[in-house]
Each structure stands twice: as C-alpha cells, then as structure tokens.
Amino acid sequence: MSGIQRTALVLIIIGAINWGLIGFFQFDLVASIFGGQDAGMARIVYGLVGIAGLINLGLLFKPSPEISREPETKPTR
C-alpha cells in the first residue's frame, strides 16, 4: 500500500467516525471544529475525505494475496 493510499485511508477513517457521530448523536465533529458546515476549512475536509474515498476505491478491486496465490502442491508418496 502506497503512502497516498495510507493517508487516504486515515482520511476515510476520520470521515467514518464523523458519520458515526452524526448518525448516533447528531453531532458533526468536523463542522464543530471548523466553525460550521459552510466554513471553508470544513468544506476542504469534506472534499478531502471524498477524494480519499475515490483513491481507495481501487483497493476494493485489488486482488488479495491470499486469494490470488496459487495453491501449494505437496509431493505424493
């Protein structure tokens, strides 16, 4: 996983925590930190989380090493 994908994953986790807070407690952490949903910094954070989701969308279709590995052949006796 590249550094960009790791950074994007961190942003996605931040976004998921924010959405969880909104869903369970009706509290928007990003908006409260940056002065409301219409504040410039809040909009930048929302935009970065969205871009991070698009960057990591490729991970959904990336073959897993466990799945794509060839089965081991054991010698027969």
C-alpha atoms as a PDB file:
ATOM      1  CA  MET A   1       0.000   0.000   0.000  1.00  0.00           C
ATOM      2  CA  SER A   2       1.457   3.344  -1.007  1.00  0.00           C
ATOM      3  CA  GLY A   3       1.807   6.382   1.218  1.00  0.00           C
ATOM      4  CA  ILE A   4      -1.004   8.151  -0.636  1.00  0.00           C
ATOM      5  CA  GLN A   5      -3.341   5.209  -0.037  1.00  0.00           C
ATOM      6  CA  ARG A   6      -2.423   5.109   3.658  1.00  0.00           C
ATOM      7  CA  THR A   7      -3.100   8.833   4.007  1.00  0.00           C
ATOM      8  CA  ALA A   8      -6.376   8.399   2.147  1.00  0.00           C
ATOM      9  CA  LEU A   9      -7.296   5.525   4.451  1.00  0.00           C
ATOM     10  CA  VAL A  10      -6.708   7.735   7.508  1.00  0.00           C
ATOM     11  CA  LEU A  11      -8.984  10.386   5.989  1.00  0.00           C
ATOM     12  CA  ILE A  12     -11.641   7.763   5.298  1.00  0.00           C
ATOM     13  CA  ILE A  13     -11.475   6.611   8.920  1.00  0.00           C
ATOM     14  CA  ILE A  14     -11.884  10.232  10.081  1.00  0.00           C
ATOM     15  CA  GLY A  15     -14.892  10.539   7.777  1.00  0.00           C
ATOM     16  CA  ALA A  16     -16.375   7.293   9.074  1.00  0.00           C
ATOM     17  CA  ILE A  17     -16.010   8.445  12.676  1.00  0.00           C
ATOM     18  CA  ASN A  18     -17.660  11.754  11.772  1.00  0.00           C
ATOM     19  CA  TRP A  19     -20.559   9.980  10.034  1.00  0.00           C
ATOM     20  CA  GLY A  20     -20.947   7.673  13.029  1.00  0.00           C
ATOM     21  CA  LEU A  21     -21.175  10.678  15.339  1.00  0.00           C
ATOM     22  CA  ILE A  22     -23.738  12.269  13.042  1.00  0.00           C
ATOM     23  CA  GLY A  23     -25.791   9.071  12.849  1.00  0.00           C
ATOM     24  CA  PHE A  24     -25.770   8.205  16.540  1.00  0.00           C
ATOM     25  CA  PHE A  25     -25.579  11.584  18.256  1.00  0.00           C
ATOM     26  CA  GLN A  26     -26.496  14.178  15.576  1.00  0.00           C
ATOM     27  CA  PHE A  27     -23.094  15.788  16.205  1.00  0.00           C
ATOM     28  CA  ASP A  28     -20.898  16.866  13.296  1.00  0.00           C
ATOM     29  CA  LEU A  29     -17.359  16.923  14.693  1.00  0.00           C
ATOM     30  CA  VAL A  30     -15.775  18.433  11.576  1.00  0.00           C
ATOM     31  CA  ALA A  31     -18.324  21.259  11.485  1.00  0.00           C
ATOM     32  CA  SER A  32     -17.910  21.970  15.190  1.00  0.00           C
ATOM     33  CA  ILE A  33     -14.103  22.104  14.928  1.00  0.00           C
ATOM     34  CA  PHE A  34     -14.018  24.321  11.846  1.00  0.00           C
ATOM     35  CA  GLY A  35     -16.992  26.627  12.509  1.00  0.00           C
ATOM     36  CA  GLY A  36     -19.950  25.060  10.715  1.00  0.00           C
ATOM     37  CA  GLN A  37     -20.609  23.054   7.598  1.00  0.00           C
ATOM     38  CA  ASP A  38     -20.313  26.104   5.352  1.00  0.00           C
ATOM     39  CA  ALA A  39     -16.913  27.154   6.719  1.00  0.00           C
ATOM     40  CA  GLY A  40     -14.099  26.954   4.197  1.00  0.00           C
ATOM     41  CA  MET A  41     -11.927  24.565   6.206  1.00  0.00           C
ATOM     42  CA  ALA A  42     -14.841  22.213   6.891  1.00  0.00           C
ATOM     43  CA  ARG A  43     -15.624  22.079   3.179  1.00  0.00           C
ATOM     44  CA  ILE A  44     -11.963  21.313   2.444  1.00  0.00           C
ATOM     45  CA  VAL A  45     -12.006  18.442   4.965  1.00  0.00           C
ATOM     46  CA  TYR A  46     -15.252  17.076   3.477  1.00  0.00           C
ATOM     47  CA  GLY A  47     -13.731  17.322  -0.003  1.00  0.00           C
ATOM     48  CA  LEU A  48     -10.510  15.570   1.053  1.00  0.00           C
ATOM     49  CA  VAL A  49     -12.496  12.735   2.636  1.00  0.00           C
ATOM     50  CA  GLY A  50     -14.455  12.350  -0.607  1.00  0.00           C
ATOM     51  CA  ILE A  51     -11.289  12.299  -2.726  1.00  0.00           C
ATOM     52  CA  ALA A  52      -9.745   9.798  -0.290  1.00  0.00           C
ATOM     53  CA  GLY A  53     -12.727   7.523  -0.838  1.00  0.00           C
ATOM     54  CA  LEU A  54     -12.200   7.662  -4.588  1.00  0.00           C
ATOM     55  CA  ILE A  55      -8.477   6.948  -4.217  1.00  0.00           C
ATOM     56  CA  ASN A  56      -9.120   3.876  -2.092  1.00  0.00           C
ATOM     57  CA  LEU A  57     -11.929   2.647  -4.320  1.00  0.00           C
ATOM     58  CA  GLY A  58      -9.233   0.793  -6.258  1.00  0.00           C
ATOM     59  CA  LEU A  59      -8.440  -1.269  -3.149  1.00  0.00           C
ATOM     60  CA  LEU A  60     -11.903  -2.799  -3.435  1.00  0.00           C
ATOM     61  CA  PHE A  61     -10.978  -4.421  -6.730  1.00  0.00           C
ATOM     62  CA  LYS A  62      -7.350  -5.233  -5.939  1.00  0.00           C
ATOM     63  CA  PRO A  63      -6.814  -8.984  -5.705  1.00  0.00           C
ATOM     64  CA  SER A  64      -5.983 -10.207  -2.241  1.00  0.00           C
ATOM     65  CA  PRO A  65      -2.646 -12.031  -1.923  1.00  0.00           C
ATOM     66  CA  GLU A  66      -4.435 -14.820  -0.078  1.00  0.00           C
ATOM     67  CA  ILE A  67      -6.916 -15.324  -2.891  1.00  0.00           C
ATOM     68  CA  SER A  68      -4.605 -14.871  -5.865  1.00  0.00           C
ATOM     69  CA  ARG A  69      -1.878 -17.145  -4.526  1.00  0.00           C
ATOM     70  CA  GLU A  70      -1.520 -20.465  -6.264  1.00  0.00           C
ATOM     71  CA  PRO A  71      -2.284 -23.476  -4.075  1.00  0.00           C
ATOM     72  CA  GLU A  72       0.746 -25.312  -2.805  1.00  0.00           C
ATOM     73  CA  THR A  73       1.306 -28.706  -4.301  1.00  0.00           C
ATOM     74  CA  LYS A  74       2.501 -31.362  -1.934  1.00  0.00           C
ATOM     75  CA  PRO A  75       4.568 -34.214  -3.220  1.00  0.00           C
ATOM     76  CA  THR A  76       2.769 -37.514  -3.357  1.00  0.00           C
ATOM     77  CA  ARG A  77       4.360 -40.573  -1.832  1.00  0.00           C
END
